[in-house]
Amino acid sequence: MDTREDRLLALTGLLAAGLIAVAVIFALTWLSDVRRTPVPYPLQECAPPSSVIPLKTSS
């Protein structure tokens, strides 16, 4: 094989390896997120209007 074909083959191999690596990392991240059980967040209630302190305005 000549040098140009070697470079093209090496570039194709590097691109294929990079694509495989990105696909594996994406799959592992997605699977770890799917398998985790969601944590329920505590609901915070709003304060009733009587406990709200009005802001002082400069007049």
PDB file of N, CA and C in Angstrom:
ATOM      1  N   MET A   1       0.852  -1.188   0.000  1.00  0.00           N
ATOM      2  CA  MET A   1       0.000   0.000   0.000  1.00  0.00           C
ATOM      3  C   MET A   1       0.886   1.235   0.000  1.00  0.00           C
ATOM      4  N   ASP A   2       0.343   2.241  -0.546  1.00  0.00           N
ATOM      5  CA  ASP A   2       1.156   3.444  -0.573  1.00  0.00           C
ATOM      6  C   ASP A   2       0.764   4.381   0.555  1.00  0.00           C
ATOM      7  N   THR A   3       1.527   5.421   0.735  1.00  0.00           N
ATOM      8  CA  THR A   3       1.402   6.284   1.912  1.00  0.00           C
ATOM      9  C   THR A   3       0.029   6.941   2.015  1.00  0.00           C
ATOM     10  N   ARG A   4      -0.538   7.335   0.899  1.00  0.00           N
ATOM     11  CA  ARG A   4      -1.848   7.987   0.919  1.00  0.00           C
ATOM     12  C   ARG A   4      -2.925   7.024   1.412  1.00  0.00           C
ATOM     13  N   GLU A   5      -2.868   5.792   0.949  1.00  0.00           N
ATOM     14  CA  GLU A   5      -3.844   4.787   1.392  1.00  0.00           C
ATOM     15  C   GLU A   5      -3.656   4.464   2.870  1.00  0.00           C
ATOM     16  N   ASP A   6      -2.428   4.441   3.338  1.00  0.00           N
ATOM     17  CA  ASP A   6      -2.165   4.183   4.757  1.00  0.00           C
ATOM     18  C   ASP A   6      -2.759   5.291   5.632  1.00  0.00           C
ATOM     19  N   ARG A   7      -2.581   6.519   5.196  1.00  0.00           N
ATOM     20  CA  ARG A   7      -3.139   7.644   5.963  1.00  0.00           C
ATOM     21  C   ARG A   7      -4.661   7.596   5.995  1.00  0.00           C
ATOM     22  N   LEU A   8      -5.258   7.281   4.844  1.00  0.00           N
ATOM     23  CA  LEU A   8      -6.716   7.191   4.781  1.00  0.00           C
ATOM     24  C   LEU A   8      -7.234   6.059   5.668  1.00  0.00           C
ATOM     25  N   LEU A   9      -6.544   4.933   5.654  1.00  0.00           N
ATOM     26  CA  LEU A   9      -6.936   3.805   6.498  1.00  0.00           C
ATOM     27  C   LEU A   9      -6.769   4.144   7.984  1.00  0.00           C
ATOM     28  N   ALA A  10      -5.676   4.830   8.322  1.00  0.00           N
ATOM     29  CA  ALA A  10      -5.454   5.223   9.714  1.00  0.00           C
ATOM     30  C   ALA A  10      -6.514   6.229  10.167  1.00  0.00           C
ATOM     31  N   LEU A  11      -6.854   7.183   9.304  1.00  0.00           N
ATOM     32  CA  LEU A  11      -7.879   8.170   9.651  1.00  0.00           C
ATOM     33  C   LEU A  11      -9.241   7.510   9.825  1.00  0.00           C
ATOM     34  N   THR A  12      -9.558   6.575   8.943  1.00  0.00           N
ATOM     35  CA  THR A  12     -10.827   5.850   9.060  1.00  0.00           C
ATOM     36  C   THR A  12     -10.868   5.046  10.355  1.00  0.00           C
ATOM     37  N   GLY A  13      -9.774   4.407  10.709  1.00  0.00           N
ATOM     38  CA  GLY A  13      -9.716   3.643  11.959  1.00  0.00           C
ATOM     39  C   GLY A  13      -9.865   4.531  13.183  1.00  0.00           C
ATOM     40  N   LEU A  14      -9.213   5.699  13.149  1.00  0.00           N
ATOM     41  CA  LEU A  14      -9.338   6.623  14.284  1.00  0.00           C
ATOM     42  C   LEU A  14     -10.756   7.157  14.420  1.00  0.00           C
ATOM     43  N   LEU A  15     -11.367   7.500  13.305  1.00  0.00           N
ATOM     44  CA  LEU A  15     -12.756   7.988  13.358  1.00  0.00           C
ATOM     45  C   LEU A  15     -13.707   6.903  13.850  1.00  0.00           C
ATOM     46  N   ALA A  16     -13.502   5.680  13.397  1.00  0.00           N
ATOM     47  CA  ALA A  16     -14.352   4.573  13.846  1.00  0.00           C
ATOM     48  C   ALA A  16     -14.155   4.310  15.338  1.00  0.00           C
ATOM     49  N   ALA A  17     -12.913   4.354  15.801  1.00  0.00           N
ATOM     50  CA  ALA A  17     -12.647   4.135  17.226  1.00  0.00           C
ATOM     51  C   ALA A  17     -13.251   5.250  18.067  1.00  0.00           C
ATOM     52  N   GLY A  18     -13.160   6.480  17.580  1.00  0.00           N
ATOM     53  CA  GLY A  18     -13.769   7.598  18.309  1.00  0.00           C
ATOM     54  C   GLY A  18     -15.277   7.475  18.381  1.00  0.00           C
ATOM     55  N   LEU A  19     -15.891   7.058  17.268  1.00  0.00           N
ATOM     56  CA  LEU A  19     -17.343   6.874  17.258  1.00  0.00           C
ATOM     57  C   LEU A  19     -17.764   5.770  18.212  1.00  0.00           C
ATOM     58  N   ILE A  20     -17.026   4.681  18.234  1.00  0.00           N
ATOM     59  CA  ILE A  20     -17.331   3.584  19.158  1.00  0.00           C
ATOM     60  C   ILE A  20     -17.172   4.045  20.604  1.00  0.00           C
ATOM     61  N   ALA A  21     -16.122   4.802  20.894  1.00  0.00           N
ATOM     62  CA  ALA A  21     -15.900   5.281  22.261  1.00  0.00           C
ATOM     63  C   ALA A  21     -17.031   6.207  22.708  1.00  0.00           C
ATOM     64  N   VAL A  22     -17.444   7.118  21.840  1.00  0.00           N
ATOM     65  CA  VAL A  22     -18.541   8.036  22.190  1.00  0.00           C
ATOM     66  C   VAL A  22     -19.834   7.258  22.401  1.00  0.00           C
ATOM     67  N   ALA A  23     -20.102   6.271  21.558  1.00  0.00           N
ATOM     68  CA  ALA A  23     -21.321   5.465  21.702  1.00  0.00           C
ATOM     69  C   ALA A  23     -21.315   4.679  23.007  1.00  0.00           C
ATOM     70  N   VAL A  24     -20.169   4.120  23.390  1.00  0.00           N
ATOM     71  CA  VAL A  24     -20.078   3.357  24.646  1.00  0.00           C
ATOM     72  C   VAL A  24     -20.266   4.275  25.846  1.00  0.00           C
ATOM     73  N   ILE A  25     -19.631   5.440  25.829  1.00  0.00           N
ATOM     74  CA  ILE A  25     -19.780   6.380  26.949  1.00  0.00           C
ATOM     75  C   ILE A  25     -21.227   6.853  27.057  1.00  0.00           C
ATOM     76  N   PHE A  26     -21.863   7.148  25.921  1.00  0.00           N
ATOM     77  CA  PHE A  26     -23.272   7.560  25.939  1.00  0.00           C
ATOM     78  C   PHE A  26     -24.158   6.449  26.488  1.00  0.00           C
ATOM     79  N   ALA A  27     -23.929   5.217  26.040  1.00  0.00           N
ATOM     80  CA  ALA A  27     -24.752   4.098  26.497  1.00  0.00           C
ATOM     81  C   ALA A  27     -24.581   3.862  27.993  1.00  0.00           C
ATOM     82  N   LEU A  28     -23.359   3.923  28.488  1.00  0.00           N
ATOM     83  CA  LEU A  28     -23.133   3.717  29.922  1.00  0.00           C
ATOM     84  C   LEU A  28     -23.777   4.820  30.746  1.00  0.00           C
ATOM     85  N   THR A  29     -23.677   6.052  30.289  1.00  0.00           N
ATOM     86  CA  THR A  29     -24.298   7.166  31.009  1.00  0.00           C
ATOM     87  C   THR A  29     -25.817   7.035  31.009  1.00  0.00           C
ATOM     88  N   TRP A  30     -26.378   6.697  29.860  1.00  0.00           N
ATOM     89  CA  TRP A  30     -27.828   6.557  29.758  1.00  0.00           C
ATOM     90  C   TRP A  30     -28.332   5.403  30.620  1.00  0.00           C
ATOM     91  N   LEU A  31     -27.632   4.273  30.593  1.00  0.00           N
ATOM     92  CA  LEU A  31     -28.054   3.125  31.390  1.00  0.00           C
ATOM     93  C   LEU A  31     -27.951   3.396  32.888  1.00  0.00           C
ATOM     94  N   SER A  32     -26.921   4.108  33.311  1.00  0.00           N
ATOM     95  CA  SER A  32     -26.796   4.401  34.741  1.00  0.00           C
ATOM     96  C   SER A  32     -27.888   5.364  35.196  1.00  0.00           C
ATOM     97  N   ASP A  33     -28.332   6.247  34.303  1.00  0.00           N
ATOM     98  CA  ASP A  33     -29.402   7.178  34.660  1.00  0.00           C
ATOM     99  C   ASP A  33     -30.753   6.480  34.672  1.00  0.00           C
ATOM    100  N   VAL A  34     -30.981   5.547  33.751  1.00  0.00           N
ATOM    101  CA  VAL A  34     -32.263   4.845  33.664  1.00  0.00           C
ATOM    102  C   VAL A  34     -32.446   3.900  34.845  1.00  0.00           C
ATOM    103  N   ARG A  35     -31.380   3.257  35.280  1.00  0.00           N
ATOM    104  CA  ARG A  35     -31.480   2.269  36.358  1.00  0.00           C
ATOM    105  C   ARG A  35     -31.641   2.898  37.729  1.00  0.00           C
ATOM    106  N   ARG A  36     -31.300   4.174  37.869  1.00  0.00           N
ATOM    107  CA  ARG A  36     -31.390   4.835  39.174  1.00  0.00           C
ATOM    108  C   ARG A  36     -32.836   5.176  39.475  1.00  0.00           C
ATOM    109  N   THR A  37     -33.275   4.905  40.706  1.00  0.00           N
ATOM    110  CA  THR A  37     -34.646   5.227  41.085  1.00  0.00           C
ATOM    111  C   THR A  37     -34.744   6.719  41.384  1.00  0.00           C
ATOM    112  N   PRO A  38     -35.806   7.353  40.935  1.00  0.00           N
ATOM    113  CA  PRO A  38     -35.937   8.790  41.175  1.00  0.00           C
ATOM    114  C   PRO A  38     -36.168   9.092  42.656  1.00  0.00           C
ATOM    115  N   VAL A  39     -35.564  10.153  43.129  1.00  0.00           N
ATOM    116  CA  VAL A  39     -35.697  10.575  44.515  1.00  0.00           C
ATOM    117  C   VAL A  39     -36.821  11.601  44.592  1.00  0.00           C
ATOM    118  N   PRO A  40     -37.851  11.354  45.410  1.00  0.00           N
ATOM    119  CA  PRO A  40     -38.933  12.336  45.498  1.00  0.00           C
ATOM    120  C   PRO A  40     -38.453  13.593  46.231  1.00  0.00           C
ATOM    121  N   TYR A  41     -38.723  14.716  45.645  1.00  0.00           N
ATOM    122  CA  TYR A  41     -38.342  15.979  46.265  1.00  0.00           C
ATOM    123  C   TYR A  41     -39.457  16.432  47.197  1.00  0.00           C
ATOM    124  N   PRO A  42     -39.094  16.940  48.382  1.00  0.00           N
ATOM    125  CA  PRO A  42     -40.148  17.426  49.290  1.00  0.00           C
ATOM    126  C   PRO A  42     -40.800  18.681  48.714  1.00  0.00           C
ATOM    127  N   LEU A  43     -42.102  18.713  48.792  1.00  0.00           N
ATOM    128  CA  LEU A  43     -42.827  19.876  48.283  1.00  0.00           C
ATOM    129  C   LEU A  43     -42.812  20.984  49.327  1.00  0.00           C
ATOM    130  N   GLN A  44     -42.505  22.165  48.894  1.00  0.00           N
ATOM    131  CA  GLN A  44     -42.506  23.305  49.802  1.00  0.00           C
ATOM    132  C   GLN A  44     -43.767  24.120  49.527  1.00  0.00           C
ATOM    133  N   GLU A  45     -44.479  24.403  50.592  1.00  0.00           N
ATOM    134  CA  GLU A  45     -45.695  25.185  50.425  1.00  0.00           C
ATOM    135  C   GLU A  45     -45.362  26.667  50.483  1.00  0.00           C
ATOM    136  N   CYS A  46     -46.140  27.425  49.794  1.00  0.00           N
ATOM    137  CA  CYS A  46     -45.942  28.872  49.812  1.00  0.00           C
ATOM    138  C   CYS A  46     -46.438  29.425  51.151  1.00  0.00           C
ATOM    139  N   ALA A  47     -45.831  30.514  51.569  1.00  0.00           N
ATOM    140  CA  ALA A  47     -46.237  31.142  52.823  1.00  0.00           C
ATOM    141  C   ALA A  47     -47.605  31.803  52.631  1.00  0.00           C
ATOM    142  N   PRO A  48     -48.440  31.742  53.642  1.00  0.00           N
ATOM    143  CA  PRO A  48     -49.748  32.412  53.527  1.00  0.00           C
ATOM    144  C   PRO A  48     -49.559  33.931  53.423  1.00  0.00           C
ATOM    145  N   PRO A  49     -50.489  34.634  52.797  1.00  0.00           N
ATOM    146  CA  PRO A  49     -50.328  36.073  52.581  1.00  0.00           C
ATOM    147  C   PRO A  49     -50.182  36.876  53.873  1.00  0.00           C
ATOM    148  N   SER A  50     -50.737  36.401  54.991  1.00  0.00           N
ATOM    149  CA  SER A  50     -50.654  37.174  56.229  1.00  0.00           C
ATOM    150  C   SER A  50     -49.237  37.215  56.795  1.00  0.00           C
ATOM    151  N   SER A  51     -48.404  36.241  56.437  1.00  0.00           N
ATOM    152  CA  SER A  51     -47.059  36.218  56.995  1.00  0.00           C
ATOM    153  C   SER A  51     -46.036  36.924  56.102  1.00  0.00           C
ATOM    154  N   VAL A  52     -46.480  37.441  54.976  1.00  0.00           N
ATOM    155  CA  VAL A  52     -45.583  38.136  54.075  1.00  0.00           C
ATOM    156  C   VAL A  52     -45.361  39.552  54.579  1.00  0.00           C
ATOM    157  N   ILE A  53     -44.109  39.945  54.741  1.00  0.00           N
ATOM    158  CA  ILE A  53     -43.784  41.292  55.228  1.00  0.00           C
ATOM    159  C   ILE A  53     -43.644  42.199  54.008  1.00  0.00           C
ATOM    160  N   PRO A  54     -44.398  43.289  53.965  1.00  0.00           N
ATOM    161  CA  PRO A  54     -44.303  44.188  52.818  1.00  0.00           C
ATOM    162  C   PRO A  54     -42.966  44.916  52.818  1.00  0.00           C
ATOM    163  N   LEU A  55     -42.449  45.181  51.631  1.00  0.00           N
ATOM    164  CA  LEU A  55     -41.208  45.909  51.493  1.00  0.00           C
ATOM    165  C   LEU A  55     -41.439  47.392  51.737  1.00  0.00           C
ATOM    166  N   LYS A  56     -40.456  48.041  52.393  1.00  0.00           N
ATOM    167  CA  LYS A  56     -40.566  49.478  52.609  1.00  0.00           C
ATOM    168  C   LYS A  56     -40.188  50.181  51.324  1.00  0.00           C
ATOM    169  N   THR A  57     -40.997  51.092  50.932  1.00  0.00           N
ATOM    170  CA  THR A  57     -40.683  51.887  49.741  1.00  0.00           C
ATOM    171  C   THR A  57     -40.317  53.273  50.169  1.00  0.00           C
ATOM    172  N   SER A  58     -39.333  53.836  49.517  1.00  0.00           N
ATOM    173  CA  SER A  58     -38.920  55.198  49.869  1.00  0.00           C
ATOM    174  C   SER A  58     -39.859  56.183  49.190  1.00  0.00           C
ATOM    175  N   SER A  59     -40.541  57.016  50.005  1.00  0.00           N
ATOM    176  CA  SER A  59     -41.453  57.996  49.440  1.00  0.00           C
ATOM    177  C   SER A  59     -41.145  59.364  49.974  1.00  0.00           C
TER     178      SER A  59
END
